[in-house]
N, C-alpha and C. Protein backbone atom coordinates (compact mmCIF):
# COMPACT_ATOMS: atom_id res chain seq x y z
N UNK A 1 -0.23 -55.81 -23.02
CA UNK A 1 0.10 -54.74 -24.34
C UNK A 1 1.65 -53.87 -24.03
N UNK A 2 1.99 -53.73 -24.92
CA UNK A 2 3.17 -53.05 -24.90
C UNK A 2 3.40 -51.89 -25.97
N UNK A 3 3.30 -51.08 -25.20
CA UNK A 3 3.50 -49.07 -25.44
C UNK A 3 4.81 -49.13 -25.45
N UNK A 4 6.14 -49.80 -25.89
CA UNK A 4 7.10 -49.02 -25.78
C UNK A 4 7.73 -48.59 -27.34
N UNK A 5 8.75 -48.21 -27.20
CA UNK A 5 9.56 -47.45 -28.27
C UNK A 5 10.07 -48.68 -29.18
N UNK A 6 9.82 -48.27 -30.46
CA UNK A 6 10.01 -49.66 -31.41
C UNK A 6 11.82 -49.58 -31.64
N UNK A 7 12.60 -50.74 -32.04
CA UNK A 7 13.70 -50.94 -32.30
C UNK A 7 14.18 -49.75 -33.25
N UNK A 8 13.78 -49.17 -34.34
CA UNK A 8 14.34 -48.26 -35.17
C UNK A 8 14.35 -47.04 -34.27
N UNK A 9 13.75 -46.69 -33.58
CA UNK A 9 13.73 -45.59 -32.45
C UNK A 9 14.98 -45.81 -31.61
N UNK A 10 15.08 -47.02 -31.06
CA UNK A 10 16.12 -47.21 -30.24
C UNK A 10 17.36 -47.03 -31.03
N UNK A 11 17.59 -47.42 -31.93
CA UNK A 11 18.95 -47.23 -32.80
C UNK A 11 19.00 -45.66 -33.16
N UNK A 12 17.98 -45.31 -33.37
CA UNK A 12 18.39 -43.79 -33.17
C UNK A 12 18.66 -43.04 -32.17
N UNK A 13 18.26 -43.42 -30.97
CA UNK A 13 18.73 -42.90 -29.72
C UNK A 13 20.40 -43.47 -29.71
N UNK A 14 20.45 -44.51 -29.80
CA UNK A 14 21.89 -44.85 -29.69
C UNK A 14 22.91 -44.16 -30.57
N UNK A 15 22.54 -43.76 -31.77
CA UNK A 15 23.22 -43.02 -32.49
C UNK A 15 23.57 -41.45 -32.14
N UNK A 16 22.55 -41.00 -31.43
CA UNK A 16 22.82 -39.57 -30.86
C UNK A 16 23.58 -39.61 -29.75
N UNK A 17 23.80 -40.50 -29.14
CA UNK A 17 24.81 -40.33 -27.87
C UNK A 17 25.90 -39.63 -28.42
N UNK A 18 26.83 -39.14 -27.18
CA UNK A 18 28.09 -38.39 -27.57
C UNK A 18 28.04 -37.43 -28.60
N UNK A 19 26.82 -37.04 -29.07
CA UNK A 19 26.78 -35.89 -30.07
C UNK A 19 26.03 -34.51 -29.47
N UNK A 20 26.31 -33.57 -30.00
CA UNK A 20 26.01 -32.17 -29.56
C UNK A 20 24.23 -31.95 -29.74
N UNK A 21 23.72 -31.97 -28.91
CA UNK A 21 22.21 -31.54 -28.48
C UNK A 21 22.38 -29.67 -28.68
N UNK A 22 21.84 -29.30 -29.78
CA UNK A 22 22.04 -27.80 -30.15
C UNK A 22 20.69 -27.67 -29.66
N UNK A 23 19.65 -27.97 -29.95
CA UNK A 23 18.17 -27.39 -29.52
C UNK A 23 17.19 -28.53 -29.15
N UNK A 24 16.11 -28.03 -28.50
CA UNK A 24 14.74 -28.91 -28.50
C UNK A 24 13.81 -27.91 -29.39
N UNK A 25 13.09 -28.36 -29.97
CA UNK A 25 11.90 -27.30 -30.65
C UNK A 25 10.57 -28.06 -29.93
N UNK A 26 9.64 -27.28 -29.75
CA UNK A 26 8.23 -27.75 -29.62
C UNK A 26 7.46 -26.86 -29.86
N UNK A 27 6.15 -27.01 -29.95
CA UNK A 27 4.89 -26.37 -30.30
C UNK A 27 3.93 -26.06 -29.18
N UNK A 28 3.95 -25.11 -28.88
CA UNK A 28 2.72 -24.59 -27.95
C UNK A 28 1.71 -23.89 -28.45
N UNK A 29 0.46 -24.07 -27.58
CA UNK A 29 -0.88 -23.38 -28.14
C UNK A 29 -0.59 -21.79 -27.85
N UNK A 30 -1.56 -21.19 -28.65
CA UNK A 30 -1.31 -19.79 -28.63
C UNK A 30 -1.69 -19.05 -27.23
N UNK A 31 -2.34 -19.92 -26.77
CA UNK A 31 -2.69 -19.36 -24.99
C UNK A 31 -1.43 -19.17 -24.06
N UNK A 32 -0.41 -20.08 -24.51
CA UNK A 32 0.79 -20.50 -23.82
C UNK A 32 2.24 -19.67 -24.31
N UNK A 33 1.70 -18.94 -25.29
CA UNK A 33 3.18 -18.45 -25.97
C UNK A 33 3.94 -17.38 -25.34
N UNK A 34 3.54 -16.71 -24.12
CA UNK A 34 4.26 -15.89 -23.31
C UNK A 34 4.84 -16.55 -22.09
N UNK A 35 4.39 -17.52 -21.87
CA UNK A 35 4.91 -18.48 -20.63
C UNK A 35 6.18 -19.47 -21.02
N UNK A 36 7.19 -18.79 -20.41
CA UNK A 36 8.47 -19.40 -20.99
C UNK A 36 8.57 -20.70 -20.26
N UNK A 37 7.86 -20.84 -18.87
CA UNK A 37 8.16 -22.26 -18.12
C UNK A 37 6.93 -23.42 -18.67
N UNK A 38 6.22 -22.80 -19.67
CA UNK A 38 5.25 -23.86 -20.20
C UNK A 38 6.06 -24.57 -21.35
N UNK A 39 6.40 -26.09 -21.24
CA UNK A 39 7.31 -26.69 -22.18
C UNK A 39 6.45 -27.92 -22.65
N UNK A 40 5.05 -27.78 -22.97
CA UNK A 40 4.09 -28.94 -23.33
C UNK A 40 3.86 -28.97 -24.81
N UNK A 41 3.95 -30.03 -25.57
CA UNK A 41 3.73 -30.21 -26.98
C UNK A 41 3.10 -31.01 -27.55
N UNK A 42 2.29 -30.88 -28.34
CA UNK A 42 1.42 -31.90 -28.89
C UNK A 42 1.59 -32.64 -29.97
N UNK A 43 1.98 -34.06 -29.48
CA UNK A 43 2.17 -34.87 -30.53
C UNK A 43 3.93 -34.94 -30.96
N UNK A 44 4.53 -33.93 -30.90
CA UNK A 44 6.01 -33.96 -31.79
C UNK A 44 6.69 -32.67 -30.94
N UNK A 45 8.04 -33.23 -30.86
CA UNK A 45 8.81 -32.48 -30.26
C UNK A 45 10.21 -32.98 -31.19
N UNK A 46 10.98 -31.50 -31.57
CA UNK A 46 12.24 -32.29 -32.43
C UNK A 46 13.43 -31.90 -31.69
N UNK A 47 14.37 -32.69 -31.84
CA UNK A 47 15.85 -33.01 -31.42
C UNK A 47 16.57 -32.27 -32.49
N UNK A 48 17.38 -31.21 -32.28
CA UNK A 48 18.50 -30.72 -33.46
C UNK A 48 19.87 -31.04 -32.89
N UNK A 49 20.36 -32.00 -33.61
CA UNK A 49 21.71 -32.38 -33.18
C UNK A 49 22.55 -32.84 -34.03
N UNK A 50 23.59 -32.01 -34.20
CA UNK A 50 24.84 -31.94 -34.96
C UNK A 50 24.21 -31.81 -36.50
N UNK A 51 23.30 -30.65 -36.59
CA UNK A 51 22.81 -30.19 -37.78
C UNK A 51 21.91 -31.39 -38.47
N UNK A 52 21.82 -32.58 -37.47
CA UNK A 52 20.21 -32.86 -37.93
C UNK A 52 19.15 -33.10 -37.19
N UNK A 53 17.90 -33.36 -37.74
CA UNK A 53 16.89 -33.17 -37.25
C UNK A 53 15.89 -34.40 -36.71
N UNK A 54 15.67 -34.76 -35.76
CA UNK A 54 14.95 -35.75 -35.02
C UNK A 54 13.89 -35.45 -34.45
N UNK A 55 12.95 -36.07 -35.00
CA UNK A 55 11.43 -35.81 -34.53
C UNK A 55 10.91 -37.01 -33.67
N UNK A 56 10.77 -36.36 -32.36
CA UNK A 56 9.98 -37.43 -31.56
C UNK A 56 8.59 -37.31 -31.53
N UNK A 57 7.88 -38.26 -32.17
CA UNK A 57 6.49 -38.46 -31.99
C UNK A 57 5.76 -38.92 -30.73
N UNK A 58 4.72 -38.54 -30.42
CA UNK A 58 3.84 -39.42 -29.63
C UNK A 58 2.54 -39.53 -30.25
N UNK A 59 2.28 -40.51 -30.86
CA UNK A 59 1.02 -40.63 -31.53
C UNK A 59 0.03 -41.86 -30.96
N UNK A 60 -1.14 -41.81 -31.18
CA UNK A 60 -1.99 -43.02 -30.78
C UNK A 60 -2.20 -43.67 -31.89
N UNK A 61 -2.36 -45.10 -31.30
CA UNK A 61 -2.30 -46.06 -32.56
C UNK A 61 -2.95 -47.38 -31.77
N UNK A 62 -3.98 -48.27 -32.46
CA UNK A 62 -4.52 -49.32 -32.02
C UNK A 62 -3.95 -50.51 -32.29
N UNK A 63 -2.65 -50.53 -32.78
CA UNK A 63 -1.75 -51.49 -33.45
C UNK A 63 -1.65 -52.81 -32.68
N UNK A 64 -1.66 -52.78 -31.42
CA UNK A 64 -1.63 -53.84 -30.39
C UNK A 64 -2.79 -54.44 -29.57
N UNK A 65 -3.89 -53.49 -29.53
CA UNK A 65 -5.04 -53.66 -28.39
C UNK A 65 -6.06 -52.86 -29.21
N UNK A 66 -7.03 -53.06 -28.43
CA UNK A 66 -8.29 -52.48 -28.84
C UNK A 66 -8.49 -51.14 -28.52
N UNK A 67 -7.38 -50.86 -27.49
CA UNK A 67 -7.34 -49.20 -26.72
C UNK A 67 -6.41 -48.47 -27.90
N UNK A 68 -6.22 -47.20 -27.71
CA UNK A 68 -5.68 -46.30 -28.43
C UNK A 68 -4.57 -45.54 -27.63
N UNK A 69 -3.43 -46.18 -27.28
CA UNK A 69 -2.50 -45.64 -26.45
C UNK A 69 -1.48 -44.63 -27.47
N UNK A 70 -0.73 -43.93 -26.65
CA UNK A 70 0.27 -42.90 -27.37
C UNK A 70 1.70 -43.69 -27.46
N UNK A 71 2.27 -43.92 -28.44
CA UNK A 71 3.70 -44.63 -28.60
C UNK A 71 4.54 -43.27 -29.13
N UNK A 72 5.88 -43.62 -28.35
CA UNK A 72 6.82 -42.60 -28.62
C UNK A 72 7.52 -43.20 -29.98
N UNK A 73 7.74 -42.51 -31.25
CA UNK A 73 8.94 -42.86 -32.32
C UNK A 73 9.40 -42.14 -32.48
N UNK A 74 10.81 -42.12 -33.06
CA UNK A 74 11.87 -41.35 -33.60
C UNK A 74 12.02 -41.35 -35.15
N UNK A 75 12.04 -40.54 -35.74
CA UNK A 75 12.13 -40.27 -37.26
C UNK A 75 13.48 -39.09 -37.43
N UNK A 76 14.65 -39.44 -38.48
CA UNK A 76 15.33 -38.34 -38.78
C UNK A 76 14.62 -37.83 -39.97
N UNK A 77 14.61 -36.52 -40.05
CA UNK A 77 14.00 -35.97 -40.99
C UNK A 77 14.74 -34.84 -41.86
N UNK A 78 14.39 -34.46 -42.80
CA UNK A 78 15.32 -33.08 -43.49
C UNK A 78 14.10 -31.83 -43.50
N UNK A 79 12.77 -32.15 -43.33
CA UNK A 79 11.54 -31.58 -43.24
C UNK A 79 11.36 -30.35 -42.51
N UNK A 80 11.05 -29.07 -42.64
CA UNK A 80 10.86 -28.28 -41.83
C UNK A 80 9.85 -28.62 -40.74
N UNK A 81 10.20 -28.14 -39.35
CA UNK A 81 9.49 -28.78 -38.11
C UNK A 81 7.94 -28.36 -38.65
N UNK A 82 7.01 -29.14 -38.15
CA UNK A 82 5.52 -28.67 -38.39
C UNK A 82 4.73 -29.32 -37.08
N UNK A 83 4.14 -28.62 -36.83
CA UNK A 83 3.09 -28.87 -35.41
C UNK A 83 1.76 -29.58 -35.89
N UNK A 84 1.20 -30.00 -34.94
CA UNK A 84 0.03 -31.38 -35.26
C UNK A 84 -1.39 -30.25 -35.34
N UNK A 85 -1.08 -29.22 -34.54
CA UNK A 85 -2.41 -28.49 -34.26
C UNK A 85 -2.11 -26.92 -35.19
N UNK A 86 -2.88 -26.37 -36.01
CA UNK A 86 -2.95 -25.42 -36.48
C UNK A 86 -2.95 -24.19 -35.73
N UNK A 87 -1.79 -22.79 -35.57
CA UNK A 87 -2.12 -21.94 -34.70
C UNK A 87 -1.10 -22.20 -33.46
N UNK A 88 -0.49 -23.27 -33.41
CA UNK A 88 0.41 -23.40 -32.37
C UNK A 88 1.86 -22.48 -32.69
N UNK A 89 2.16 -22.14 -31.45
CA UNK A 89 3.61 -21.54 -31.60
C UNK A 89 4.61 -22.33 -31.55
N UNK A 90 5.82 -22.04 -32.74
CA UNK A 90 6.82 -23.07 -32.17
C UNK A 90 8.10 -22.24 -31.46
N UNK A 91 8.55 -22.97 -30.58
CA UNK A 91 9.55 -22.37 -29.52
C UNK A 91 10.98 -23.47 -29.40
N UNK A 92 11.71 -22.64 -29.14
CA UNK A 92 13.22 -23.37 -29.07
C UNK A 92 13.85 -23.44 -27.86
N UNK A 93 14.37 -24.64 -27.52
CA UNK A 93 15.10 -24.41 -26.03
C UNK A 93 16.78 -24.77 -26.52
N UNK A 94 17.11 -23.37 -26.45
CA UNK A 94 18.53 -23.96 -26.93
C UNK A 94 19.48 -24.62 -25.92
N UNK A 95 20.30 -25.48 -26.10
CA UNK A 95 21.05 -26.21 -25.40
C UNK A 95 22.66 -26.06 -25.66
N UNK A 96 22.99 -26.46 -27.06
CA UNK A 96 24.63 -26.99 -26.89
C UNK A 96 25.08 -27.42 -26.13
N UNK A 97 24.95 -28.73 -26.16
CA UNK A 97 25.71 -29.60 -24.83
C UNK A 97 25.63 -30.86 -25.16
N UNK A 98 26.97 -31.58 -25.03
CA UNK A 98 26.87 -33.14 -25.32
C UNK A 98 26.00 -34.23 -24.76
N UNK A 99 25.60 -35.01 -25.48
CA UNK A 99 24.74 -35.81 -24.74
C UNK A 99 25.34 -37.18 -24.17
N UNK A 100 25.55 -37.40 -22.87
CA UNK A 100 26.53 -38.13 -22.24
C UNK A 100 25.72 -39.68 -22.08
N UNK A 101 24.37 -39.68 -22.09
CA UNK A 101 23.85 -40.90 -21.86
C UNK A 101 22.20 -40.38 -22.07
N UNK A 102 21.26 -41.44 -22.52
CA UNK A 102 19.97 -41.78 -22.71
C UNK A 102 19.60 -42.95 -21.94
N UNK A 103 18.49 -42.64 -21.32
CA UNK A 103 17.76 -43.64 -20.33
C UNK A 103 16.08 -43.53 -20.93
N UNK A 104 15.41 -44.57 -20.92
CA UNK A 104 13.89 -44.95 -20.89
C UNK A 104 13.29 -45.22 -19.74
N UNK A 105 12.33 -44.44 -19.36
CA UNK A 105 11.60 -44.79 -18.01
C UNK A 105 10.44 -45.68 -18.58
N UNK A 106 10.41 -46.93 -18.33
CA UNK A 106 9.70 -48.24 -18.65
C UNK A 106 8.69 -48.44 -17.35
N UNK A 107 7.48 -48.33 -17.26
CA UNK A 107 6.46 -48.97 -16.58
C UNK A 107 5.65 -50.21 -16.72
N UNK A 108 6.06 -51.28 -15.78
CA UNK A 108 5.20 -52.26 -16.01
C UNK A 108 4.18 -52.09 -14.83
N UNK A 109 3.05 -52.42 -15.54
CA UNK A 109 1.67 -51.89 -14.89
C UNK A 109 1.10 -53.27 -14.97
N UNK A 110 0.49 -53.69 -13.78
CA UNK A 110 -0.04 -54.80 -13.56
C UNK A 110 -1.79 -54.48 -13.02
N UNK A 111 -2.71 -54.63 -13.74
CA UNK A 111 -4.12 -54.06 -13.33
C UNK A 111 -4.54 -55.12 -12.28
N UNK A 112 -5.64 -54.86 -11.68
CA UNK A 112 -6.97 -55.71 -11.11
C UNK A 112 -6.72 -57.05 -11.71
N UNK A 113 -7.22 -56.91 -12.82
CA UNK A 113 -7.43 -57.90 -13.89
C UNK A 113 -6.53 -59.03 -14.30
N UNK A 114 -5.31 -58.68 -13.42
CA UNK A 114 -4.13 -59.28 -13.84
C UNK A 114 -3.24 -58.87 -15.34
N UNK A 115 -4.08 -58.26 -16.00
CA UNK A 115 -3.61 -57.47 -17.10
C UNK A 115 -2.28 -56.67 -17.08
N UNK A 116 -1.34 -57.12 -17.93
CA UNK A 116 0.23 -56.61 -17.67
C UNK A 116 0.39 -55.25 -18.91
N UNK A 117 0.82 -54.26 -18.58
CA UNK A 117 1.03 -53.20 -19.71
C UNK A 117 2.32 -52.85 -19.21
N UNK A 118 3.09 -52.67 -20.32
CA UNK A 118 4.59 -52.22 -20.22
C UNK A 118 4.56 -51.00 -21.06
N UNK A 119 5.04 -49.89 -20.46
CA UNK A 119 4.73 -48.49 -21.02
C UNK A 119 5.97 -47.81 -21.08
N UNK A 120 6.70 -47.39 -22.23
CA UNK A 120 7.66 -46.21 -22.08
C UNK A 120 7.16 -44.96 -21.66
N UNK A 121 7.31 -44.25 -20.49
CA UNK A 121 6.79 -43.23 -20.17
C UNK A 121 7.71 -41.95 -20.29
N UNK A 122 8.97 -42.29 -20.26
CA UNK A 122 9.59 -40.94 -20.62
C UNK A 122 11.04 -41.01 -21.20
N UNK A 123 11.61 -40.15 -22.01
CA UNK A 123 13.15 -40.46 -22.66
C UNK A 123 13.91 -39.31 -21.98
N UNK A 124 15.25 -39.58 -20.95
CA UNK A 124 15.87 -38.73 -20.17
C UNK A 124 17.20 -38.70 -20.91
N UNK A 125 17.47 -37.39 -21.32
CA UNK A 125 18.62 -37.28 -22.33
C UNK A 125 19.49 -36.34 -21.11
N UNK A 126 20.79 -37.25 -20.86
CA UNK A 126 21.43 -36.37 -19.53
C UNK A 126 22.62 -35.80 -20.85
N UNK A 127 22.96 -34.42 -20.47
CA UNK A 127 24.01 -33.88 -21.07
C UNK A 127 25.17 -33.55 -20.01
N UNK A 128 26.14 -33.03 -20.74
CA UNK A 128 27.12 -32.80 -19.74
C UNK A 128 26.93 -31.67 -18.37
N UNK A 129 25.91 -30.89 -18.90
CA UNK A 129 25.17 -29.84 -17.66
C UNK A 129 24.05 -30.14 -17.34
N UNK A 130 23.10 -30.61 -18.00
CA UNK A 130 21.49 -30.63 -17.30
C UNK A 130 21.00 -32.19 -17.93
N UNK A 131 19.89 -32.31 -17.22
CA UNK A 131 19.18 -33.63 -17.80
C UNK A 131 17.74 -33.00 -18.17
N UNK A 132 17.44 -33.18 -19.40
CA UNK A 132 16.00 -33.26 -20.16
C UNK A 132 15.24 -34.64 -20.00
N UNK A 133 14.22 -34.38 -19.68
CA UNK A 133 13.20 -35.41 -19.65
C UNK A 133 12.20 -34.97 -20.55
N UNK A 134 11.91 -36.06 -21.49
CA UNK A 134 10.66 -35.63 -22.14
C UNK A 134 9.63 -36.61 -21.70
N UNK A 135 8.32 -36.52 -21.33
CA UNK A 135 7.80 -37.09 -20.76
C UNK A 135 6.07 -37.14 -21.34
N UNK A 136 5.32 -38.61 -21.26
CA UNK A 136 4.01 -38.49 -21.80
C UNK A 136 3.22 -37.88 -20.47
N UNK A 137 2.14 -37.24 -21.01
CA UNK A 137 1.35 -36.52 -19.95
C UNK A 137 0.30 -37.76 -19.43
N UNK A 138 -0.04 -38.64 -20.40
CA UNK A 138 -0.81 -39.86 -19.83
C UNK A 138 -0.77 -40.64 -20.98
N UNK A 139 -1.08 -42.02 -20.86
CA UNK A 139 -0.52 -43.29 -21.51
C UNK A 139 -1.43 -43.08 -22.89
N UNK A 140 -2.57 -42.26 -22.92
CA UNK A 140 -3.60 -42.34 -23.99
C UNK A 140 -3.69 -40.80 -24.77
N UNK A 141 -2.89 -39.77 -24.23
CA UNK A 141 -2.71 -38.93 -24.85
C UNK A 141 -1.65 -38.43 -25.88
N UNK A 142 -1.79 -37.59 -26.59
CA UNK A 142 -0.40 -37.25 -27.33
C UNK A 142 0.77 -36.11 -26.94
N UNK A 143 0.29 -35.76 -25.82
CA UNK A 143 0.97 -34.44 -25.24
C UNK A 143 2.27 -34.84 -24.48
N UNK A 144 3.35 -34.26 -24.83
CA UNK A 144 4.58 -34.52 -24.08
C UNK A 144 5.04 -33.29 -23.39
N UNK A 145 5.88 -33.53 -22.21
CA UNK A 145 6.24 -32.08 -21.49
C UNK A 145 7.84 -32.45 -21.34
N UNK A 146 8.43 -31.04 -21.63
CA UNK A 146 9.89 -31.17 -21.24
C UNK A 146 10.01 -30.53 -20.04
N UNK A 147 11.03 -31.40 -19.11
CA UNK A 147 11.44 -31.02 -17.86
C UNK A 147 12.84 -30.61 -18.07
N UNK A 148 13.66 -30.35 -17.26
CA UNK A 148 14.81 -29.83 -16.89
C UNK A 148 15.19 -30.10 -15.37
N UNK A 149 16.34 -30.90 -15.29
CA UNK A 149 16.67 -31.08 -13.97
C UNK A 149 15.77 -31.58 -12.88
N UNK A 150 14.66 -32.47 -13.21
CA UNK A 150 13.81 -32.97 -12.34
C UNK A 150 13.90 -34.03 -11.97
N UNK A 151 13.40 -34.87 -10.94
CA UNK A 151 13.43 -36.28 -10.88
C UNK A 151 12.20 -36.71 -11.69
N UNK A 152 12.20 -38.12 -12.14
CA UNK A 152 11.41 -38.70 -12.85
C UNK A 152 10.14 -38.64 -11.82
N UNK A 153 10.02 -39.22 -10.62
CA UNK A 153 9.22 -39.34 -9.86
C UNK A 153 8.27 -37.76 -9.24
N UNK A 154 9.08 -36.39 -9.63
CA UNK A 154 8.54 -35.37 -9.88
C UNK A 154 7.77 -35.07 -10.62
N UNK A 155 7.77 -35.59 -11.95
CA UNK A 155 7.39 -35.13 -13.14
C UNK A 155 5.90 -36.12 -13.31
N UNK A 156 6.28 -37.61 -13.07
CA UNK A 156 5.04 -38.68 -13.03
C UNK A 156 5.31 -39.62 -12.47
N UNK A 157 4.76 -39.60 -11.00
CA UNK A 157 5.15 -40.39 -10.03
C UNK A 157 4.16 -41.84 -10.61
N UNK A 158 4.61 -42.69 -9.60
CA UNK A 158 3.81 -44.34 -9.78
C UNK A 158 2.55 -43.87 -9.50
N UNK A 159 2.31 -43.33 -8.37
CA UNK A 159 0.82 -43.09 -7.69
C UNK A 159 0.24 -42.21 -8.77
N UNK A 160 0.69 -41.45 -9.53
CA UNK A 160 -0.39 -40.64 -10.79
C UNK A 160 -0.66 -41.97 -11.74
N UNK A 161 0.26 -42.48 -12.25
CA UNK A 161 0.10 -43.69 -13.14
C UNK A 161 -1.07 -44.34 -12.61
N UNK A 162 -0.81 -44.96 -11.29
CA UNK A 162 -1.86 -45.95 -11.08
C UNK A 162 -3.47 -45.29 -11.10
N UNK A 163 -3.31 -44.12 -10.98
CA UNK A 163 -4.58 -43.17 -11.13
C UNK A 163 -5.15 -43.07 -12.34
N UNK A 164 -4.35 -43.03 -13.28
CA UNK A 164 -4.65 -43.14 -15.05
C UNK A 164 -5.27 -44.66 -15.30
N UNK A 165 -5.24 -45.60 -14.48
CA UNK A 165 -5.66 -46.79 -15.03
C UNK A 165 -7.01 -47.62 -14.53
N UNK A 166 -7.09 -47.25 -13.10
CA UNK A 166 -8.34 -47.74 -12.40
C UNK A 166 -8.63 -47.03 -11.46
N UNK A 167 -9.71 -46.12 -11.40
CA UNK A 167 -10.16 -45.09 -10.45
C UNK A 167 -10.80 -45.90 -9.29
N UNK A 168 -11.28 -46.99 -9.23
CA UNK A 168 -12.07 -47.75 -8.39
C UNK A 168 -11.25 -48.36 -7.41
N UNK A 169 -10.12 -49.19 -8.10
CA UNK A 169 -9.41 -50.25 -7.16
C UNK A 169 -7.68 -49.99 -7.60
N UNK A 170 -7.62 -48.38 -7.20
CA UNK A 170 -6.23 -47.97 -7.50
C UNK A 170 -5.28 -48.82 -6.71
N UNK A 171 -5.84 -49.33 -5.46
CA UNK A 171 -4.76 -49.82 -4.57
C UNK A 171 -4.34 -51.20 -5.24
N UNK A 172 -5.14 -51.58 -6.01
CA UNK A 172 -4.58 -53.34 -6.87
C UNK A 172 -4.08 -52.89 -7.85
N UNK A 173 -3.86 -51.76 -8.20
CA UNK A 173 -2.79 -51.54 -9.44
C UNK A 173 -1.38 -51.22 -9.03
N UNK A 174 -0.39 -52.30 -9.56
CA UNK A 174 0.94 -52.07 -9.19
C UNK A 174 1.99 -51.88 -10.49
N UNK A 175 2.97 -51.20 -10.03
CA UNK A 175 4.00 -50.49 -10.89
C UNK A 175 5.26 -51.07 -10.56
N UNK A 176 6.09 -51.58 -11.77
CA UNK A 176 7.42 -51.71 -11.58
C UNK A 176 8.20 -50.83 -12.27
N UNK A 177 8.60 -49.85 -11.94
CA UNK A 177 9.39 -48.89 -12.67
C UNK A 177 10.85 -49.34 -13.27
N UNK A 178 11.33 -49.38 -14.49
CA UNK A 178 12.46 -49.66 -14.60
C UNK A 178 13.47 -48.46 -15.45
N UNK A 179 14.42 -48.33 -15.42
CA UNK A 179 15.10 -47.52 -16.47
C UNK A 179 16.12 -48.03 -17.04
N UNK A 180 15.66 -48.09 -18.75
CA UNK A 180 16.57 -48.71 -19.64
C UNK A 180 17.73 -47.79 -20.03
N UNK A 181 18.71 -48.20 -19.80
CA UNK A 181 19.97 -47.79 -20.35
C UNK A 181 20.27 -47.88 -21.87
N UNK A 182 20.51 -46.52 -22.61
CA UNK A 182 20.40 -46.85 -24.20
C UNK A 182 21.82 -46.84 -24.05
């Protein structure tokens, strides 16, 4: 099973390198509206780059399997930012910094039954002054979290990923983590 970013989205990531990342918009539930450190969004995050709007989706689909994993995909839009859940509060993380590089964290997971799953678990945007990581909370949910200047292993370790796949035989789940440079 391949839970990876499609080619159109990769092209969008290539196009935004060396551009000014003005802000990142995200939607939080009402219960977290006062918590400035809570940067988890359900299904959609917007990157505002040089006056353009790029929506990053993390939506479930059963296009490649009987499972319904969540896939990252990006789309340029001119539409107003819309949340997936009614009542969510839109917040903006002001950045105004140039994107130096973009990486995708891909984990190749081998399960005890020898099934292999390739999953893109995070997008890392390196600017001149900070590192912004947008990661999936789990492979089957649409939530994404924004972290600033944290190691990917502090955000989502390979041990945490193992536990998402097989609770009984977690010691027989193998993870090969790769950094894909865009």
